[in-house]
């Protein structure tokens, strides 16, 4: 990807808290129109990276660019084109829901009132209710509505739906965020950090897994599903002894085997077929399973 095609550019980013290296040499590119997943365990450096992108923290080293601009030098130009939803939204408690949205709209050149009305109605959020009386899930909905209505070029989400119940969460991700990204005359980009990977599965185009402040895996989602596969085999007699070189993991239970393959599933399948299994199946891993398996991949590289 050319730098000119990138909405987000991170080059060798570092950021420390005292002696702790929260981000340590991270690099990634996010292309226009992509839904980009940013995955990692707690403490991996995800939120610190996002805060450096938004000029809420100054990088210790390296470079960050949004829309080709330095977010520290061109803060207004950058932030006028994006919306950010943190993991815990906070509003003035005396403001009503409609007052919060009016306040947010006052900072924007564009605000879609039809989308505002539709989302308030769809998710049954009372415009007259004080924000201080909202539940955590309702505050999350309010933050998401406030992020969607300006129809920005970039939507940055940091654990955006963790306070929502599963039904509302699923509808917001699939319907609202999906509609936001596909709408508009210019490409709209989503950069999402989440532990609820399975619920964003259908939207993610590309992802980076961060571990210890560094990128441990960056791939297109479809390429990752082709590369990482789960093979299940059951044998009529005792399991045969085979060479499992190249497998991420092998789990054995009675006459059954479960193998996680990393780009070599066909070779492993061929070895298994030679042992005449009574049942043999192969399927792609989900992005969540790939994230879980990535720890094994990191160990294999070490």
Protein backbone atom coordinates (compact mmCIF):
# COMPACT_ATOMS: atom_id res chain seq x y z
CA UNK A 1 0.00 0.00 0.00
CA UNK A 2 1.30 3.44 -0.92
CA UNK A 3 1.50 6.00 1.85
CA UNK A 4 -0.78 8.26 -0.20
CA UNK A 5 -3.49 5.55 -0.03
CA UNK A 6 -3.31 5.33 3.76
CA UNK A 7 -5.76 6.96 6.14
CA UNK A 8 -3.63 5.87 9.12
CA UNK A 9 0.16 5.48 9.02
CA UNK A 10 2.13 4.30 12.03
CA UNK A 11 5.89 3.92 11.66
CA UNK A 12 8.06 2.49 14.44
CA UNK A 13 5.87 4.06 17.14
CA UNK A 14 7.17 3.97 20.71
CA UNK A 15 5.59 5.21 23.93
CA UNK A 16 6.71 4.44 27.47
CA UNK A 17 5.34 5.00 30.95
CA UNK A 18 8.45 5.23 33.09
CA UNK A 19 10.32 1.98 32.51
CA UNK A 20 7.32 0.27 30.90
CA UNK A 21 7.36 0.16 27.09
CA UNK A 22 3.64 0.31 26.30
CA UNK A 23 4.27 0.56 22.55
CA UNK A 24 7.59 -0.62 21.20
CA UNK A 25 8.31 -0.20 17.48
CA UNK A 26 4.77 -0.60 16.13
CA UNK A 27 4.13 -0.06 12.41
CA UNK A 28 0.89 -0.43 10.44
CA UNK A 29 -1.06 1.04 7.52
CA UNK A 30 -4.83 1.42 7.21
CA UNK A 31 -6.20 1.96 3.72
CA UNK A 32 -9.18 4.17 2.88
CA UNK A 33 -12.53 2.37 3.03
CA UNK A 34 -11.24 -0.49 5.16
CA UNK A 35 -12.62 -1.83 8.42
CA UNK A 36 -9.40 -2.49 10.30
CA UNK A 37 -9.26 -4.63 13.44
CA UNK A 38 -6.71 -3.88 16.16
CA UNK A 39 -6.53 -6.87 18.50
CA UNK A 40 -4.50 -7.66 21.59
CA UNK A 41 -4.67 -8.68 25.21
CA UNK A 42 -5.21 -6.19 28.00
CA UNK A 43 -2.06 -4.12 28.37
CA UNK A 44 -0.80 -4.93 24.87
CA UNK A 45 -0.64 -1.24 23.89
CA UNK A 46 -3.88 -0.77 21.93
CA UNK A 47 -5.33 2.22 23.79
CA UNK A 48 -1.92 3.90 24.05
CA UNK A 49 -1.55 3.61 20.27
CA UNK A 50 -4.99 5.11 19.69
CA UNK A 51 -4.26 8.01 22.04
CA UNK A 52 -1.05 8.73 20.13
CA UNK A 53 -3.04 8.77 16.88
CA UNK A 54 -5.44 11.32 18.37
CA UNK A 55 -2.73 13.51 19.93
CA UNK A 56 -4.01 12.64 23.40
CA UNK A 57 -0.52 11.28 24.11
CA UNK A 58 2.76 12.34 22.54
CA UNK A 59 4.76 9.48 21.01
CA UNK A 60 8.17 8.80 22.52
CA UNK A 61 9.48 8.04 19.03
CA UNK A 62 8.42 7.11 15.52
CA UNK A 63 5.76 8.72 13.35
CA UNK A 64 1.98 8.77 13.17
CA UNK A 65 -0.06 10.31 10.36
CA UNK A 66 -3.80 10.55 9.75
CA UNK A 67 -4.92 11.56 6.24
CA UNK A 68 -1.23 12.26 5.61
CA UNK A 69 -1.20 14.89 8.38
CA UNK A 70 0.62 15.11 11.70
CA UNK A 71 -2.12 14.98 14.39
CA UNK A 72 -0.02 17.21 16.68
CA UNK A 73 0.59 19.97 14.13
CA UNK A 74 -2.69 19.70 12.23
CA UNK A 75 -5.00 18.74 15.07
CA UNK A 76 -8.11 20.62 13.92
CA UNK A 77 -7.81 19.43 10.31
CA UNK A 78 -7.38 15.83 11.48
CA UNK A 79 -10.10 15.75 14.15
CA UNK A 80 -12.65 17.47 11.92
CA UNK A 81 -12.55 14.36 9.72
CA UNK A 82 -12.89 11.66 12.38
CA UNK A 83 -15.00 10.48 15.30
CA UNK A 84 -13.66 8.70 18.35
CA UNK A 85 -15.55 6.45 20.77
CA UNK A 86 -13.52 5.45 23.86
CA UNK A 87 -14.27 2.43 26.00
CA UNK A 88 -16.01 4.63 28.60
CA UNK A 89 -17.93 7.66 27.40
CA UNK A 90 -18.44 10.64 29.71
CA UNK A 91 -20.93 13.49 29.34
CA UNK A 92 -22.01 16.49 31.39
CA UNK A 93 -24.58 14.83 33.69
CA UNK A 94 -27.02 17.77 33.62
CA UNK A 95 -27.32 17.67 29.82
CA UNK A 96 -30.21 15.78 28.25
CA UNK A 97 -29.59 13.26 25.48
CA UNK A 98 -30.69 15.80 22.86
CA UNK A 99 -28.57 18.46 24.59
CA UNK A 100 -25.48 16.25 24.36
CA UNK A 101 -26.07 15.69 20.66
CA UNK A 102 -26.66 19.42 20.06
CA UNK A 103 -23.41 20.15 21.89
CA UNK A 104 -21.50 17.62 19.78
CA UNK A 105 -23.11 18.89 16.58
CA UNK A 106 -21.97 22.45 17.37
CA UNK A 107 -18.37 21.40 16.72
CA UNK A 108 -19.17 19.87 13.31
CA UNK A 109 -19.55 21.29 9.82
CA UNK A 110 -21.99 18.48 8.99
CA UNK A 111 -24.54 16.59 11.10
CA UNK A 112 -27.16 14.18 9.75
CA UNK A 113 -30.40 14.87 11.64
CA UNK A 114 -32.23 12.00 9.92
CA UNK A 115 -29.67 9.50 11.20
CA UNK A 116 -29.86 11.06 14.67
CA UNK A 117 -33.66 10.71 14.82
CA UNK A 118 -33.60 7.19 13.39
CA UNK A 119 -30.98 5.92 15.86
CA UNK A 120 -32.64 7.52 18.89
CA UNK A 121 -35.91 5.86 17.89
CA UNK A 122 -34.38 2.51 16.93
CA UNK A 123 -32.51 2.12 20.21
CA UNK A 124 -35.25 3.73 22.32
CA UNK A 125 -33.08 6.46 23.77
CA UNK A 126 -35.25 9.20 25.30
CA UNK A 127 -34.04 12.63 24.04
CA UNK A 128 -35.32 14.29 27.23
CA UNK A 129 -33.48 12.02 29.65
CA UNK A 130 -30.51 13.47 31.54
CA UNK A 131 -27.22 11.85 30.58
CA UNK A 132 -26.40 11.41 34.26
CA UNK A 133 -29.39 9.08 34.58
CA UNK A 134 -28.36 6.84 31.69
CA UNK A 135 -27.09 3.31 32.19
CA UNK A 136 -23.60 2.39 30.98
CA UNK A 137 -25.09 0.79 27.88
CA UNK A 138 -27.21 3.87 27.14
CA UNK A 139 -24.17 6.13 27.50
CA UNK A 140 -22.34 3.88 25.05
CA UNK A 141 -25.23 4.17 22.60
CA UNK A 142 -25.22 7.94 22.97
CA UNK A 143 -21.48 8.07 22.26
CA UNK A 144 -21.91 5.88 19.18
CA UNK A 145 -24.80 7.97 17.85
CA UNK A 146 -22.73 11.11 18.41
CA UNK A 147 -19.87 9.53 16.44
CA UNK A 148 -22.01 8.35 13.50
CA UNK A 149 -24.13 11.48 12.90
CA UNK A 150 -21.29 13.70 11.55
CA UNK A 151 -20.58 10.95 8.99
CA UNK A 152 -16.81 11.30 9.34
CA UNK A 153 -14.17 9.91 7.00
CA UNK A 154 -12.68 7.87 9.87
CA UNK A 155 -14.37 6.20 12.82
CA UNK A 156 -11.97 5.22 15.64
CA UNK A 157 -13.51 2.79 18.12
CA UNK A 158 -11.83 1.61 21.33
CA UNK A 159 -13.91 -1.22 22.86
CA UNK A 160 -16.98 0.66 21.63
CA UNK A 161 -19.74 -1.86 22.37
CA UNK A 162 -18.60 -3.53 25.60
CA UNK A 163 -21.42 -1.93 27.62
CA UNK A 164 -24.22 -3.02 25.29
CA UNK A 165 -26.39 -6.10 25.64
CA UNK A 166 -25.81 -8.74 22.93
CA UNK A 167 -28.93 -7.96 20.86
CA UNK A 168 -28.30 -4.21 20.70
CA UNK A 169 -24.57 -4.80 20.17
CA UNK A 170 -25.16 -7.08 17.20
CA UNK A 171 -27.61 -4.69 15.55
CA UNK A 172 -25.35 -1.67 16.02
CA UNK A 173 -22.30 -3.43 14.62
CA UNK A 174 -23.97 -5.14 11.67
CA UNK A 175 -26.54 -2.53 10.71
CA UNK A 176 -25.37 0.88 11.88
CA UNK A 177 -21.59 0.65 11.53
CA UNK A 178 -21.94 -1.41 8.36
CA UNK A 179 -24.32 1.18 6.87
CA UNK A 180 -22.05 4.04 7.92
CA UNK A 181 -19.05 2.48 6.18
CA UNK A 182 -20.86 1.65 2.95
CA UNK A 183 -22.62 5.04 2.72
CA UNK A 184 -21.27 8.30 1.37
CA UNK A 185 -19.61 9.33 -1.86
CA UNK A 186 -16.05 8.94 -0.50
CA UNK A 187 -14.51 5.91 1.27
CA UNK A 188 -15.21 5.68 5.00
CA UNK A 189 -12.75 3.91 7.25
CA UNK A 190 -13.26 2.13 10.57
CA UNK A 191 -10.40 1.42 12.98
CA UNK A 192 -11.67 -0.76 15.81
CA UNK A 193 -9.96 -2.12 18.89
CA UNK A 194 -12.13 -4.81 20.48
CA UNK A 195 -12.14 -8.02 22.48
CA UNK A 196 -15.48 -8.94 20.87
CA UNK A 197 -13.77 -10.05 17.67
CA UNK A 198 -16.46 -12.53 16.66
CA UNK A 199 -19.10 -9.80 16.51
CA UNK A 200 -17.03 -7.73 14.05
CA UNK A 201 -16.08 -10.82 11.99
CA UNK A 202 -18.24 -9.89 9.01
CA UNK A 203 -16.89 -6.32 8.79
CA UNK A 204 -13.13 -6.73 9.30
CA UNK A 205 -11.08 -6.42 6.09
CA UNK A 206 -7.62 -6.44 7.65
CA UNK A 207 -6.21 -6.66 11.14
CA UNK A 208 -3.13 -6.34 13.30
CA UNK A 209 -2.54 -8.33 16.46
CA UNK A 210 -0.38 -6.42 18.92
CA UNK A 211 1.59 -8.19 21.63
CA UNK A 212 3.95 -6.46 24.03
CA UNK A 213 3.64 -3.20 22.12
CA UNK A 214 4.68 -4.79 18.80
CA UNK A 215 2.73 -6.12 15.83
CA UNK A 216 2.86 -9.92 16.02
CA UNK A 217 0.62 -10.51 12.99
CA UNK A 218 -0.84 -8.29 10.26
CA UNK A 219 -2.99 -9.84 7.52
CA UNK A 220 -5.95 -9.39 5.24
CA UNK A 221 -8.86 -11.17 6.92
CA UNK A 222 -9.60 -13.45 3.94
CA UNK A 223 -5.91 -14.39 3.60
CA UNK A 224 -5.81 -15.24 7.30
CA UNK A 225 -8.83 -17.53 6.98
CA UNK A 226 -7.15 -19.30 4.04
CA UNK A 227 -3.89 -19.68 5.95
CA UNK A 228 -5.10 -20.75 9.39
CA UNK A 229 -7.23 -23.89 9.39
CA UNK A 230 -8.55 -26.40 11.86
CA UNK A 231 -8.29 -30.08 10.91
CA UNK A 232 -10.27 -32.76 12.76
CA UNK A 233 -9.60 -36.46 12.24
CA UNK A 234 -11.04 -39.61 13.83
CA UNK A 235 -9.51 -43.04 13.34
CA UNK A 236 -11.14 -46.49 13.60
CA UNK A 237 -8.33 -47.72 15.82
CA UNK A 238 -5.72 -46.00 17.98
CA UNK A 239 -4.33 -42.72 16.68
CA UNK A 240 -1.30 -43.15 14.38
CA UNK A 241 2.00 -41.48 15.17
CA UNK A 242 2.72 -38.82 12.59
CA UNK A 243 5.10 -35.95 11.96
CA UNK A 244 3.26 -32.79 12.98
CA UNK A 245 6.00 -30.39 11.90
CA UNK A 246 4.46 -27.08 10.91
CA UNK A 247 1.30 -27.49 13.00
CA UNK A 248 0.50 -24.65 15.40
CA UNK A 249 -0.96 -27.09 17.89
CA UNK A 250 -2.10 -30.71 18.11
CA UNK A 251 -4.78 -31.82 20.54
CA UNK A 252 -5.36 -35.53 21.10
CA UNK A 253 -8.37 -37.21 22.70
CA UNK A 254 -8.91 -40.95 22.34
CA UNK A 255 -9.10 -41.78 18.63
CA UNK A 256 -9.46 -38.13 17.63
CA UNK A 257 -7.04 -35.39 16.64
CA UNK A 258 -7.53 -31.64 16.30
CA UNK A 259 -4.76 -29.79 14.49
CA UNK A 260 -4.34 -26.07 13.91
CA UNK A 261 -2.50 -25.53 10.64
CA UNK A 262 -0.52 -22.46 9.67
CA UNK A 263 -0.43 -22.33 5.87
CA UNK A 264 0.28 -26.02 5.38
CA UNK A 265 -3.13 -27.63 5.78
CA UNK A 266 -2.91 -29.53 2.47
CA UNK A 267 0.33 -31.25 3.48
CA UNK A 268 -1.13 -32.21 6.85
CA UNK A 269 -4.33 -33.48 5.23
CA UNK A 270 -2.30 -35.63 2.85
CA UNK A 271 -0.44 -37.24 5.76
CA UNK A 272 -3.70 -37.91 7.55
CA UNK A 273 -5.45 -39.39 4.51
CA UNK A 274 -2.58 -41.87 4.15
CA UNK A 275 -3.58 -43.28 7.57
CA UNK A 276 -7.19 -43.97 6.47
CA UNK A 277 -9.19 -41.95 8.98
CA UNK A 278 -12.90 -42.73 9.27
CA UNK A 279 -13.67 -39.02 9.43
CA UNK A 280 -11.58 -36.05 8.24
CA UNK A 281 -12.68 -32.41 8.20
CA UNK A 282 -10.97 -29.09 7.53
CA UNK A 283 -12.34 -25.59 8.15
CA UNK A 284 -11.04 -22.05 8.33
CA UNK A 285 -10.45 -20.49 11.73
CA UNK A 286 -12.50 -17.46 12.70
CA UNK A 287 -10.64 -14.23 13.41
CA UNK A 288 -11.19 -14.79 17.12
CA UNK A 289 -9.67 -18.28 16.88
CA UNK A 290 -6.75 -16.83 14.90
CA UNK A 291 -6.22 -14.27 17.67
CA UNK A 292 -6.17 -17.03 20.30
CA UNK A 293 -3.84 -19.15 18.16
CA UNK A 294 -1.50 -16.21 17.56
CA UNK A 295 0.11 -16.74 20.97
CA UNK A 296 1.21 -20.18 19.77
CA UNK A 297 2.47 -18.58 16.55
CA UNK A 298 4.46 -16.01 18.53
CA UNK A 299 6.06 -18.77 20.59
CA UNK A 300 6.93 -20.69 17.44
CA UNK A 301 8.70 -17.63 16.04
CA UNK A 302 10.60 -16.97 19.27
